Structures are given as structure tokens and as C-alpha cells.
Amino acid sequence: MDMQEEIIAKVQEIPPLSTSAAELVTLMGNPDHELQKTVRIVECDAALTARVLQVVNSAGFGLMEPTTSIARAVSYLGEKMVLGIALDACTGSTLRRPLEGYEGKADTLWEHNLRTAIASREIAKFAREELSGDIAFTGGLLHDIGKAIVSEFLSGFAGDIVSKIDAGDATDYVSAEHEMLGTDHSIVGYEVARRWKLASPLPEIIRFHHIPSEAEKGVRALAYAVHLGDIIAMMGGTGTGSDDMMYRLDVGFSEFIQISQREFEKIMLEVEVEFSRTRSSIFGKEDIPS
């Protein structure tokens, strides 16, 4: 079995999404959905209900009195955080493992995806066409899922890849991965999305988040939103290890995203605040900025 076959075999070992998580992902793809539908999905999943209530009643949200109402909890948390909690419940063991191939610590991937998701949603507001912030968020939350698999096959080679890029023998980390493995984390992530039967445009966003200009026209703006969200996450100090800032910025984003330097900097600050609070609530890590 060659390397690519081994990687594809690993994709088949990825656990399926829970029914609740899959339903929430699908629901977020519909910009006209009602909040009550999210509430119903949570209410029908006892484990998710317990986790949502645990998070909303955590110190990070500082409620005066604990709540036992799922409707209130979803309203306080927001649907995007509920989706994050649901995905964490069924992919946490995969996304929270150390990324040895990228020299990343435990939780590195999940935290990077979370910051990217928040940033992608904010970037979507500056699109020249109307974009769904929910889809941009979900795409950001899943964009690097392929690293969870690819990491194992890159173990011990991070230094070699960085040296190759520094020497100009590879244009960025994606091309170096592809040269070494015959594939890369964005392609592998696309295959994971297909295994999970995620609806378009999520698989395409994952596939093209480093090369958004190559995405089909109908997906391109969303791919650019996640592309910039990924950059913001790395600039904010939440990367995935040795590949931090080792990717090219696609300067063609201005055709789809109209944003000034000042607005970009403001987004970075807003993302930091929301990321810190969300991280504290989900992970129990107290680093909320004042």
C-alpha cells in the first residue's frame, strides 16, 4: 500500500458525525432557518443537552443565575457555539490530539479552527456579494480537519519542510506536503467532508481554502472568507505549529472581499475577545481579556 492509499484508509477510520451534529451542520447551511429548529435538535440529544447547559452555566458567561432552559441556553450561546459544542462532542478525540507532524500541541487544531471560524464569519460581512456568515463559520470550523490525518504521515519531517520552504524549494507548506505525500491536508479534508456527507459548499471550502481562486465561482467568495479567516487566526497567535504563516496570501481576495487595513485590524481585536470567551467556556481555559 502506497502513502496515498494509507492516507485514504485513515480517512475511512474517521468516526461519523453524530446525528445531531450532522443536522446542525445542514441547518446552518440554510440562511432562513429558525432558531427553534436548533433548540429542537439539542433537546432530542440528551448528551448534547447536558453539554450545552454545562457550557452556558460556566464562568465564561457569568450568568447571574444558572439556566436549565435549552431555548434560553441556545439564545445565550448562539447557534454557532452550539454547533461547535456538537462537533467537539463527536470529533474532539480527533481534533484535540497533538499534531506531531506539525509540531503542534494537544488542542492546537481545534483552537485554530475555532478562531478561524469566528474570523471567517466576520470577514464574510465585508464580501462584495451577500454571504452566509453561518456557512463561513462552519467552513472555518472544519477547514483544517485533514491535518488530523496528515499529521501522522508528516511526523518527524516538519523541520525538513520548513527548511525546504526557506530555501525556496517549495512555495508554501501545502506544496511541500503534496510533494512529500502526493496529497495535502486540504484534499484529505475534502475527502473527510465527503465521508461525512456534508452538503456543498462545505467540502469545496475545505478543499480550496488555501487556493480560493481555483474554487468554482459560486464557492469562491466563501473560500476567500475562510482563507482570510485562516490568516487572521495565525496572525492572532493560534496556528497549528510549524506551518504557522507558511502559506501564501491570495491577493485576489479584493475582488470578493472589500476590507480596509483598519477594518482588518478591528476584526482581529473582535475575534480575540470572542475567541477567548468561547475557548474559556468550551475548554475551561481562563484567559478572557479584560
C-alpha atoms as a PDB file:
ATOM      1  CA  MET A   1       0.000   0.000   0.000  1.00  0.00           C
ATOM      2  CA  ASP A   2       1.499   3.363  -1.023  1.00  0.00           C
ATOM      3  CA  MET A   3       1.332   6.544   1.031  1.00  0.00           C
ATOM      4  CA  GLN A   4      -1.796   7.953  -0.630  1.00  0.00           C
ATOM      5  CA  GLU A   5      -3.648   4.669  -0.149  1.00  0.00           C
ATOM      6  CA  GLU A   6      -2.665   4.614   3.519  1.00  0.00           C
ATOM      7  CA  ILE A   7      -3.960   8.154   3.977  1.00  0.00           C
ATOM      8  CA  ILE A   8      -7.282   7.344   2.274  1.00  0.00           C
ATOM      9  CA  ALA A   9      -7.582   4.278   4.512  1.00  0.00           C
ATOM     10  CA  LYS A  10      -7.182   6.572   7.535  1.00  0.00           C
ATOM     11  CA  VAL A  11      -9.981   8.782   6.217  1.00  0.00           C
ATOM     12  CA  GLN A  12     -12.305   5.775   6.379  1.00  0.00           C
ATOM     13  CA  GLU A  13     -11.430   5.354  10.056  1.00  0.00           C
ATOM     14  CA  ILE A  14     -12.675   8.838  10.957  1.00  0.00           C
ATOM     15  CA  PRO A  15     -15.817   8.409  13.098  1.00  0.00           C
ATOM     16  CA  PRO A  16     -19.038   9.632  11.510  1.00  0.00           C
ATOM     17  CA  LEU A  17     -20.709  12.795  12.742  1.00  0.00           C
ATOM     18  CA  SER A  18     -23.441  12.301  15.303  1.00  0.00           C
ATOM     19  CA  THR A  19     -26.992  12.714  14.060  1.00  0.00           C
ATOM     20  CA  SER A  20     -27.296  15.978  15.991  1.00  0.00           C
ATOM     21  CA  ALA A  21     -24.052  17.421  14.646  1.00  0.00           C
ATOM     22  CA  ALA A  22     -24.949  16.460  11.075  1.00  0.00           C
ATOM     23  CA  GLU A  23     -28.404  18.038  11.449  1.00  0.00           C
ATOM     24  CA  LEU A  24     -26.918  21.243  12.864  1.00  0.00           C
ATOM     25  CA  VAL A  25     -24.371  21.488  10.032  1.00  0.00           C
ATOM     26  CA  THR A  26     -27.182  21.098   7.493  1.00  0.00           C
ATOM     27  CA  LEU A  27     -29.364  23.596   9.323  1.00  0.00           C
ATOM     28  CA  MET A  28     -26.604  26.222   9.384  1.00  0.00           C
ATOM     29  CA  GLY A  29     -26.401  25.914   5.610  1.00  0.00           C
ATOM     30  CA  ASN A  30     -29.914  27.351   5.365  1.00  0.00           C
ATOM     31  CA  PRO A  31     -29.786  31.123   5.990  1.00  0.00           C
ATOM     32  CA  ASP A  32     -33.555  31.210   6.566  1.00  0.00           C
ATOM     33  CA  HIS A  33     -33.738  28.579   9.314  1.00  0.00           C
ATOM     34  CA  GLU A  34     -35.492  29.287  12.597  1.00  0.00           C
ATOM     35  CA  LEU A  35     -33.752  29.274  15.978  1.00  0.00           C
ATOM     36  CA  GLN A  36     -36.394  26.913  17.312  1.00  0.00           C
ATOM     37  CA  LYS A  37     -35.140  24.186  14.978  1.00  0.00           C
ATOM     38  CA  THR A  38     -31.722  24.359  16.634  1.00  0.00           C
ATOM     39  CA  VAL A  39     -33.406  24.127  20.031  1.00  0.00           C
ATOM     40  CA  ARG A  40     -35.329  21.011  18.955  1.00  0.00           C
ATOM     41  CA  ILE A  41     -32.170  19.277  17.717  1.00  0.00           C
ATOM     42  CA  VAL A  42     -30.422  19.911  21.031  1.00  0.00           C
ATOM     43  CA  GLU A  43     -33.448  18.845  23.070  1.00  0.00           C
ATOM     44  CA  CYS A  44     -33.552  15.486  21.271  1.00  0.00           C
ATOM     45  CA  ASP A  45     -29.948  14.680  22.229  1.00  0.00           C
ATOM     46  CA  ALA A  46     -29.513  14.121  25.969  1.00  0.00           C
ATOM     47  CA  ALA A  47     -25.711  14.246  25.880  1.00  0.00           C
ATOM     48  CA  LEU A  48     -25.677  17.450  23.815  1.00  0.00           C
ATOM     49  CA  THR A  49     -28.308  18.980  26.111  1.00  0.00           C
ATOM     50  CA  ALA A  50     -26.131  18.292  29.142  1.00  0.00           C
ATOM     51  CA  ARG A  51     -23.030  19.741  27.480  1.00  0.00           C
ATOM     52  CA  VAL A  52     -24.824  22.882  26.253  1.00  0.00           C
ATOM     53  CA  LEU A  53     -26.161  23.554  29.747  1.00  0.00           C
ATOM     54  CA  GLN A  54     -22.723  22.937  31.244  1.00  0.00           C
ATOM     55  CA  VAL A  55     -21.145  25.477  28.901  1.00  0.00           C
ATOM     56  CA  VAL A  56     -23.810  28.179  29.267  1.00  0.00           C
ATOM     57  CA  ASN A  57     -23.617  27.940  33.045  1.00  0.00           C
ATOM     58  CA  SER A  58     -19.822  28.136  33.084  1.00  0.00           C
ATOM     59  CA  ALA A  59     -17.899  31.085  34.491  1.00  0.00           C
ATOM     60  CA  GLY A  60     -17.159  32.326  30.977  1.00  0.00           C
ATOM     61  CA  PHE A  61     -20.740  33.509  30.531  1.00  0.00           C
ATOM     62  CA  GLY A  62     -21.196  34.858  34.024  1.00  0.00           C
ATOM     63  CA  LEU A  63     -24.969  34.338  34.237  1.00  0.00           C
ATOM     64  CA  MET A  64     -26.497  35.725  37.418  1.00  0.00           C
ATOM     65  CA  GLU A  65     -28.492  32.524  37.860  1.00  0.00           C
ATOM     66  CA  PRO A  66     -27.998  29.104  36.215  1.00  0.00           C
ATOM     67  CA  THR A  67     -30.446  28.195  33.467  1.00  0.00           C
ATOM     68  CA  THR A  68     -31.971  24.819  32.721  1.00  0.00           C
ATOM     69  CA  SER A  69     -33.853  26.005  29.623  1.00  0.00           C
ATOM     70  CA  ILE A  70     -32.392  24.835  26.330  1.00  0.00           C
ATOM     71  CA  ALA A  71     -34.145  27.660  24.469  1.00  0.00           C
ATOM     72  CA  ARG A  72     -32.501  30.222  26.755  1.00  0.00           C
ATOM     73  CA  ALA A  73     -29.167  28.415  26.586  1.00  0.00           C
ATOM     74  CA  VAL A  74     -29.149  28.423  22.776  1.00  0.00           C
ATOM     75  CA  SER A  75     -30.147  32.083  22.779  1.00  0.00           C
ATOM     76  CA  TYR A  76     -27.319  32.986  25.184  1.00  0.00           C
ATOM     77  CA  LEU A  77     -24.677  30.893  23.450  1.00  0.00           C
ATOM     78  CA  GLY A  78     -25.674  31.500  19.860  1.00  0.00           C
ATOM     79  CA  GLU A  79     -26.187  28.782  17.291  1.00  0.00           C
ATOM     80  CA  LYS A  80     -22.575  28.827  16.126  1.00  0.00           C
ATOM     81  CA  MET A  81     -21.252  27.946  19.556  1.00  0.00           C
ATOM     82  CA  VAL A  82     -23.879  25.203  19.870  1.00  0.00           C
ATOM     83  CA  LEU A  83     -22.596  23.804  16.580  1.00  0.00           C
ATOM     84  CA  GLY A  84     -19.042  23.969  17.922  1.00  0.00           C
ATOM     85  CA  ILE A  85     -20.082  22.073  21.047  1.00  0.00           C
ATOM     86  CA  ALA A  86     -21.828  19.404  18.958  1.00  0.00           C
ATOM     87  CA  LEU A  87     -18.808  18.954  16.678  1.00  0.00           C
ATOM     88  CA  ASP A  88     -16.479  18.828  19.671  1.00  0.00           C
ATOM     89  CA  ALA A  89     -18.592  16.047  21.175  1.00  0.00           C
ATOM     90  CA  CYS A  90     -18.094  13.759  18.180  1.00  0.00           C
ATOM     91  CA  THR A  91     -14.698  14.861  16.824  1.00  0.00           C
ATOM     92  CA  GLY A  92     -12.954  16.004  19.989  1.00  0.00           C
ATOM     93  CA  SER A  93     -10.769  12.910  20.229  1.00  0.00           C
ATOM     94  CA  THR A  94      -9.620  13.522  16.650  1.00  0.00           C
ATOM     95  CA  LEU A  95      -9.213  17.301  16.747  1.00  0.00           C
ATOM     96  CA  ARG A  96      -7.686  17.500  20.222  1.00  0.00           C
ATOM     97  CA  ARG A  97      -4.799  15.121  19.645  1.00  0.00           C
ATOM     98  CA  PRO A  98      -1.301  16.623  19.387  1.00  0.00           C
ATOM     99  CA  LEU A  99      -0.378  17.395  15.764  1.00  0.00           C
ATOM    100  CA  GLU A 100       3.009  15.678  15.856  1.00  0.00           C
ATOM    101  CA  GLY A 101       3.597  16.172  12.133  1.00  0.00           C
ATOM    102  CA  TYR A 102       3.183  19.915  12.582  1.00  0.00           C
ATOM    103  CA  GLU A 103       4.850  20.033  15.997  1.00  0.00           C
ATOM    104  CA  GLY A 104       1.540  21.197  17.447  1.00  0.00           C
ATOM    105  CA  LYS A 105       0.339  20.529  20.988  1.00  0.00           C
ATOM    106  CA  ALA A 106      -2.934  18.953  22.096  1.00  0.00           C
ATOM    107  CA  ASP A 107      -5.988  21.146  21.329  1.00  0.00           C
ATOM    108  CA  THR A 108      -3.939  23.144  18.809  1.00  0.00           C
ATOM    109  CA  LEU A 109      -6.056  22.118  15.815  1.00  0.00           C
ATOM    110  CA  TRP A 110      -9.415  22.612  17.494  1.00  0.00           C
ATOM    111  CA  GLU A 111      -8.443  26.052  18.815  1.00  0.00           C
ATOM    112  CA  HIS A 112      -7.070  27.151  15.433  1.00  0.00           C
ATOM    113  CA  ASN A 113     -10.263  26.011  13.709  1.00  0.00           C
ATOM    114  CA  LEU A 114     -12.381  27.852  16.274  1.00  0.00           C
ATOM    115  CA  ARG A 115     -10.534  31.160  15.826  1.00  0.00           C
ATOM    116  CA  THR A 116     -10.641  30.719  12.045  1.00  0.00           C
ATOM    117  CA  ALA A 117     -14.399  30.125  12.214  1.00  0.00           C
ATOM    118  CA  ILE A 118     -15.028  33.311  14.190  1.00  0.00           C
ATOM    119  CA  ALA A 119     -12.774  35.327  11.877  1.00  0.00           C
ATOM    120  CA  SER A 120     -14.323  33.849   8.716  1.00  0.00           C
ATOM    121  CA  ARG A 121     -17.797  34.846   9.875  1.00  0.00           C
ATOM    122  CA  GLU A 122     -16.644  38.428  10.451  1.00  0.00           C
ATOM    123  CA  ILE A 123     -14.825  38.591   7.105  1.00  0.00           C
ATOM    124  CA  ALA A 124     -17.987  37.397   5.343  1.00  0.00           C
ATOM    125  CA  LYS A 125     -19.665  40.672   6.355  1.00  0.00           C
ATOM    126  CA  PHE A 126     -17.283  42.518   4.031  1.00  0.00           C
ATOM    127  CA  ALA A 127     -17.973  40.399   0.960  1.00  0.00           C
ATOM    128  CA  ARG A 128     -18.964  42.200  -2.238  1.00  0.00           C
ATOM    129  CA  GLU A 129     -21.845  39.728  -2.548  1.00  0.00           C
ATOM    130  CA  GLU A 130     -24.167  38.542   0.194  1.00  0.00           C
ATOM    131  CA  LEU A 131     -22.594  35.607   2.045  1.00  0.00           C
ATOM    132  CA  SER A 132     -23.910  33.380   4.797  1.00  0.00           C
ATOM    133  CA  GLY A 133     -21.960  34.055   7.978  1.00  0.00           C
ATOM    134  CA  ASP A 134     -23.150  30.670   9.274  1.00  0.00           C
ATOM    135  CA  ILE A 135     -21.607  28.806   6.338  1.00  0.00           C
ATOM    136  CA  ALA A 136     -18.386  30.803   6.602  1.00  0.00           C
ATOM    137  CA  PHE A 137     -18.239  29.937  10.317  1.00  0.00           C
ATOM    138  CA  THR A 138     -18.866  26.232   9.710  1.00  0.00           C
ATOM    139  CA  GLY A 139     -16.327  26.166   6.890  1.00  0.00           C
ATOM    140  CA  GLY A 140     -13.768  27.755   9.188  1.00  0.00           C
ATOM    141  CA  LEU A 141     -14.556  25.287  11.949  1.00  0.00           C
ATOM    142  CA  LEU A 142     -13.830  22.372   9.606  1.00  0.00           C
ATOM    143  CA  HIS A 143     -11.265  23.818   7.172  1.00  0.00           C
ATOM    144  CA  ASP A 144      -8.205  22.028   8.600  1.00  0.00           C
ATOM    145  CA  ILE A 145      -9.811  18.703   9.542  1.00  0.00           C
ATOM    146  CA  GLY A 146      -7.431  16.998   7.089  1.00  0.00           C
ATOM    147  CA  LYS A 147      -4.459  17.858   9.313  1.00  0.00           C
ATOM    148  CA  ALA A 148      -5.721  15.407  11.920  1.00  0.00           C
ATOM    149  CA  ILE A 149      -4.930  12.626   9.434  1.00  0.00           C
ATOM    150  CA  VAL A 150      -1.980  14.049   7.527  1.00  0.00           C
ATOM    151  CA  SER A 151      -0.106  14.848  10.741  1.00  0.00           C
ATOM    152  CA  GLU A 152       0.722  11.192  11.361  1.00  0.00           C
ATOM    153  CA  PHE A 153       2.389  10.883   7.959  1.00  0.00           C
ATOM    154  CA  LEU A 154       4.420  14.079   8.397  1.00  0.00           C
ATOM    155  CA  SER A 155       5.747  13.103  11.819  1.00  0.00           C
ATOM    156  CA  GLY A 156       9.445  13.871  12.074  1.00  0.00           C
ATOM    157  CA  PHE A 157       9.557  15.893   8.839  1.00  0.00           C
ATOM    158  CA  ALA A 158       8.390  19.342  10.000  1.00  0.00           C
ATOM    159  CA  GLY A 159      11.929  20.702  10.131  1.00  0.00           C
ATOM    160  CA  ASP A 160      12.692  19.401   6.644  1.00  0.00           C
ATOM    161  CA  ILE A 161       9.562  21.048   5.250  1.00  0.00           C
ATOM    162  CA  VAL A 162      10.359  24.413   6.820  1.00  0.00           C
ATOM    163  CA  SER A 163      13.935  24.219   5.502  1.00  0.00           C
ATOM    164  CA  LYS A 164      12.622  23.400   2.033  1.00  0.00           C
ATOM    165  CA  ILE A 165      10.349  26.464   2.090  1.00  0.00           C
ATOM    166  CA  ASP A 166      13.096  28.722   3.453  1.00  0.00           C
ATOM    167  CA  ALA A 167      15.421  27.544   0.687  1.00  0.00           C
ATOM    168  CA  GLY A 168      12.815  28.326  -1.972  1.00  0.00           C
ATOM    169  CA  ASP A 169      12.410  24.669  -2.939  1.00  0.00           C
ATOM    170  CA  ALA A 170       8.685  24.807  -2.084  1.00  0.00           C
ATOM    171  CA  THR A 171       6.345  27.780  -2.423  1.00  0.00           C
ATOM    172  CA  ASP A 172       4.480  27.087   0.830  1.00  0.00           C
ATOM    173  CA  TYR A 173       3.535  24.349   3.286  1.00  0.00           C
ATOM    174  CA  VAL A 174       0.734  22.955   1.119  1.00  0.00           C
ATOM    175  CA  SER A 175       3.003  22.390  -1.875  1.00  0.00           C
ATOM    176  CA  ALA A 176       5.657  20.828   0.382  1.00  0.00           C
ATOM    177  CA  GLU A 177       3.058  18.453   1.851  1.00  0.00           C
ATOM    178  CA  HIS A 178       1.912  17.494  -1.627  1.00  0.00           C
ATOM    179  CA  GLU A 179       5.441  16.837  -2.807  1.00  0.00           C
ATOM    180  CA  MET A 180       6.136  14.607   0.187  1.00  0.00           C
ATOM    181  CA  LEU A 181       2.815  12.738   0.412  1.00  0.00           C
ATOM    182  CA  GLY A 182       1.271  13.006  -3.040  1.00  0.00           C
ATOM    183  CA  THR A 183      -1.628  14.839  -1.383  1.00  0.00           C
ATOM    184  CA  ASP A 184      -2.152  17.543   1.256  1.00  0.00           C
ATOM    185  CA  HIS A 185      -4.395  18.383   4.199  1.00  0.00           C
ATOM    186  CA  SER A 186      -6.931  20.352   2.144  1.00  0.00           C
ATOM    187  CA  ILE A 187      -7.509  17.435  -0.236  1.00  0.00           C
ATOM    188  CA  VAL A 188      -7.684  14.959   2.649  1.00  0.00           C
ATOM    189  CA  GLY A 189     -10.095  17.275   4.482  1.00  0.00           C
ATOM    190  CA  TYR A 190     -12.275  17.323   1.378  1.00  0.00           C
ATOM    191  CA  GLU A 191     -12.405  13.524   1.494  1.00  0.00           C
ATOM    192  CA  VAL A 192     -13.370  13.618   5.181  1.00  0.00           C
ATOM    193  CA  ALA A 193     -16.185  16.060   4.335  1.00  0.00           C
ATOM    194  CA  ARG A 194     -17.402  13.666   1.649  1.00  0.00           C
ATOM    195  CA  ARG A 195     -17.298  10.773   4.119  1.00  0.00           C
ATOM    196  CA  TRP A 196     -19.438  12.850   6.459  1.00  0.00           C
ATOM    197  CA  LYS A 197     -21.776  13.601   3.533  1.00  0.00           C
ATOM    198  CA  LEU A 198     -21.519  17.337   4.137  1.00  0.00           C
ATOM    199  CA  ALA A 199     -23.503  19.377   1.646  1.00  0.00           C
ATOM    200  CA  SER A 200     -21.893  21.807  -0.783  1.00  0.00           C
ATOM    201  CA  PRO A 201     -20.246  24.275  -0.387  1.00  0.00           C
ATOM    202  CA  LEU A 202     -18.528  22.926   2.755  1.00  0.00           C
ATOM    203  CA  PRO A 203     -16.377  20.253   1.043  1.00  0.00           C
ATOM    204  CA  GLU A 204     -15.312  22.797  -1.580  1.00  0.00           C
ATOM    205  CA  ILE A 205     -14.451  25.424   1.056  1.00  0.00           C
ATOM    206  CA  ILE A 206     -12.229  22.879   2.810  1.00  0.00           C
ATOM    207  CA  ARG A 207     -10.619  21.844  -0.481  1.00  0.00           C
ATOM    208  CA  PHE A 208      -9.833  25.372  -1.681  1.00  0.00           C
ATOM    209  CA  HIS A 209      -9.204  27.367   1.492  1.00  0.00           C
ATOM    210  CA  HIS A 210      -5.522  27.797   0.524  1.00  0.00           C
ATOM    211  CA  ILE A 211      -6.201  28.321  -3.177  1.00  0.00           C
ATOM    212  CA  PRO A 212      -9.595  30.093  -3.259  1.00  0.00           C
ATOM    213  CA  SER A 213      -9.021  31.455  -6.759  1.00  0.00           C
ATOM    214  CA  GLU A 214      -9.308  27.869  -8.057  1.00  0.00           C
ATOM    215  CA  ALA A 215     -12.710  27.238  -6.476  1.00  0.00           C
ATOM    216  CA  GLU A 216     -15.814  27.311  -8.646  1.00  0.00           C
ATOM    217  CA  LYS A 217     -17.276  30.791  -8.979  1.00  0.00           C
ATOM    218  CA  GLY A 218     -20.265  30.079  -6.731  1.00  0.00           C
ATOM    219  CA  VAL A 219     -17.981  28.998  -3.877  1.00  0.00           C
ATOM    220  CA  ARG A 220     -15.084  31.376  -4.419  1.00  0.00           C
ATOM    221  CA  ALA A 221     -16.212  34.218  -2.144  1.00  0.00           C
ATOM    222  CA  LEU A 222     -16.790  31.844   0.782  1.00  0.00           C
ATOM    223  CA  ALA A 223     -13.439  30.186   0.131  1.00  0.00           C
ATOM    224  CA  TYR A 224     -11.806  33.614   0.286  1.00  0.00           C
ATOM    225  CA  ALA A 225     -13.606  34.406   3.560  1.00  0.00           C
ATOM    226  CA  VAL A 226     -12.199  31.251   5.161  1.00  0.00           C
ATOM    227  CA  HIS A 227      -8.824  31.857   3.513  1.00  0.00           C
ATOM    228  CA  LEU A 228      -8.591  35.252   5.226  1.00  0.00           C
ATOM    229  CA  GLY A 229     -10.043  33.841   8.443  1.00  0.00           C
ATOM    230  CA  ASP A 230      -7.237  31.273   8.463  1.00  0.00           C
ATOM    231  CA  ILE A 231      -4.640  34.027   8.052  1.00  0.00           C
ATOM    232  CA  ILE A 232      -6.215  36.053  10.875  1.00  0.00           C
ATOM    233  CA  ALA A 233      -6.122  33.016  13.172  1.00  0.00           C
ATOM    234  CA  MET A 234      -2.413  32.521  12.525  1.00  0.00           C
ATOM    235  CA  MET A 235      -1.687  36.242  12.905  1.00  0.00           C
ATOM    236  CA  GLY A 236      -3.572  36.150  16.208  1.00  0.00           C
ATOM    237  CA  GLY A 237      -1.220  33.502  17.544  1.00  0.00           C
ATOM    238  CA  THR A 238      -3.445  30.475  17.079  1.00  0.00           C
ATOM    239  CA  GLY A 239      -1.820  28.386  14.386  1.00  0.00           C
ATOM    240  CA  THR A 240      -1.238  24.657  14.264  1.00  0.00           C
ATOM    241  CA  GLY A 241       2.523  24.510  14.756  1.00  0.00           C
ATOM    242  CA  SER A 242       5.455  24.508  12.341  1.00  0.00           C
ATOM    243  CA  ASP A 243       3.286  25.649   9.423  1.00  0.00           C
ATOM    244  CA  ASP A 244       2.274  28.967  11.021  1.00  0.00           C
ATOM    245  CA  MET A 245       2.425  31.784   8.454  1.00  0.00           C
ATOM    246  CA  MET A 246       3.926  29.336   5.943  1.00  0.00           C
ATOM    247  CA  TYR A 247       1.060  29.812   3.481  1.00  0.00           C
ATOM    248  CA  ARG A 248       0.652  32.344   0.690  1.00  0.00           C
ATOM    249  CA  LEU A 249      -1.976  35.060   0.899  1.00  0.00           C
ATOM    250  CA  ASP A 250      -4.083  35.008  -2.264  1.00  0.00           C
ATOM    251  CA  VAL A 251      -4.110  38.705  -3.107  1.00  0.00           C
ATOM    252  CA  GLY A 252      -7.071  38.183  -5.412  1.00  0.00           C
ATOM    253  CA  PHE A 253      -9.316  38.355  -2.338  1.00  0.00           C
ATOM    254  CA  SER A 254     -10.049  42.052  -3.024  1.00  0.00           C
ATOM    255  CA  GLU A 255     -12.241  41.048  -5.958  1.00  0.00           C
ATOM    256  CA  PHE A 256     -14.566  39.302  -3.492  1.00  0.00           C
ATOM    257  CA  ILE A 257     -13.847  40.871  -0.098  1.00  0.00           C
ATOM    258  CA  GLN A 258     -13.799  44.658   0.273  1.00  0.00           C
ATOM    259  CA  ILE A 259     -11.990  45.452   3.508  1.00  0.00           C
ATOM    260  CA  SER A 260      -9.580  48.173   4.627  1.00  0.00           C
ATOM    261  CA  GLN A 261      -6.492  47.723   6.778  1.00  0.00           C
ATOM    262  CA  ARG A 262      -8.259  49.466   9.662  1.00  0.00           C
ATOM    263  CA  GLU A 263     -11.290  47.175   9.362  1.00  0.00           C
ATOM    264  CA  PHE A 264      -8.997  44.152   9.196  1.00  0.00           C
ATOM    265  CA  GLU A 265      -7.267  45.216  12.415  1.00  0.00           C
ATOM    266  CA  LYS A 266     -10.617  45.826  14.111  1.00  0.00           C
ATOM    267  CA  ILE A 267     -11.736  42.312  13.179  1.00  0.00           C
ATOM    268  CA  MET A 268      -8.577  40.873  14.716  1.00  0.00           C
ATOM    269  CA  LEU A 269      -9.392  42.567  18.028  1.00  0.00           C
ATOM    270  CA  GLU A 270     -13.040  41.479  17.965  1.00  0.00           C
ATOM    271  CA  VAL A 271     -12.059  37.915  17.109  1.00  0.00           C
ATOM    272  CA  GLU A 272      -9.595  37.832  20.005  1.00  0.00           C
ATOM    273  CA  VAL A 273     -12.298  38.769  22.520  1.00  0.00           C
ATOM    274  CA  GLU A 274     -14.879  36.278  21.235  1.00  0.00           C
ATOM    275  CA  PHE A 275     -12.326  33.510  20.782  1.00  0.00           C
ATOM    276  CA  SER A 276     -11.037  33.909  24.335  1.00  0.00           C
ATOM    277  CA  ARG A 277     -14.514  33.775  25.840  1.00  0.00           C
ATOM    278  CA  THR A 278     -15.572  30.821  23.701  1.00  0.00           C
ATOM    279  CA  ARG A 279     -12.320  28.978  24.363  1.00  0.00           C
ATOM    280  CA  SER A 280     -12.758  29.507  28.096  1.00  0.00           C
ATOM    281  CA  SER A 281     -16.327  28.197  28.013  1.00  0.00           C
ATOM    282  CA  ILE A 282     -15.682  25.111  25.874  1.00  0.00           C
ATOM    283  CA  PHE A 283     -12.169  24.226  27.044  1.00  0.00           C
ATOM    284  CA  GLY A 284     -12.288  25.606  30.576  1.00  0.00           C
ATOM    285  CA  LYS A 285      -9.197  27.737  29.963  1.00  0.00           C
ATOM    286  CA  GLU A 286      -9.420  31.050  31.740  1.00  0.00           C
ATOM    287  CA  ASP A 287      -7.717  33.649  29.569  1.00  0.00           C
ATOM    288  CA  ILE A 288     -10.540  36.100  28.931  1.00  0.00           C
ATOM    289  CA  PRO A 289      -9.124  39.515  28.071  1.00  0.00           C
ATOM    290  CA  SER A 290     -10.344  42.443  30.189  1.00  0.00           C
END
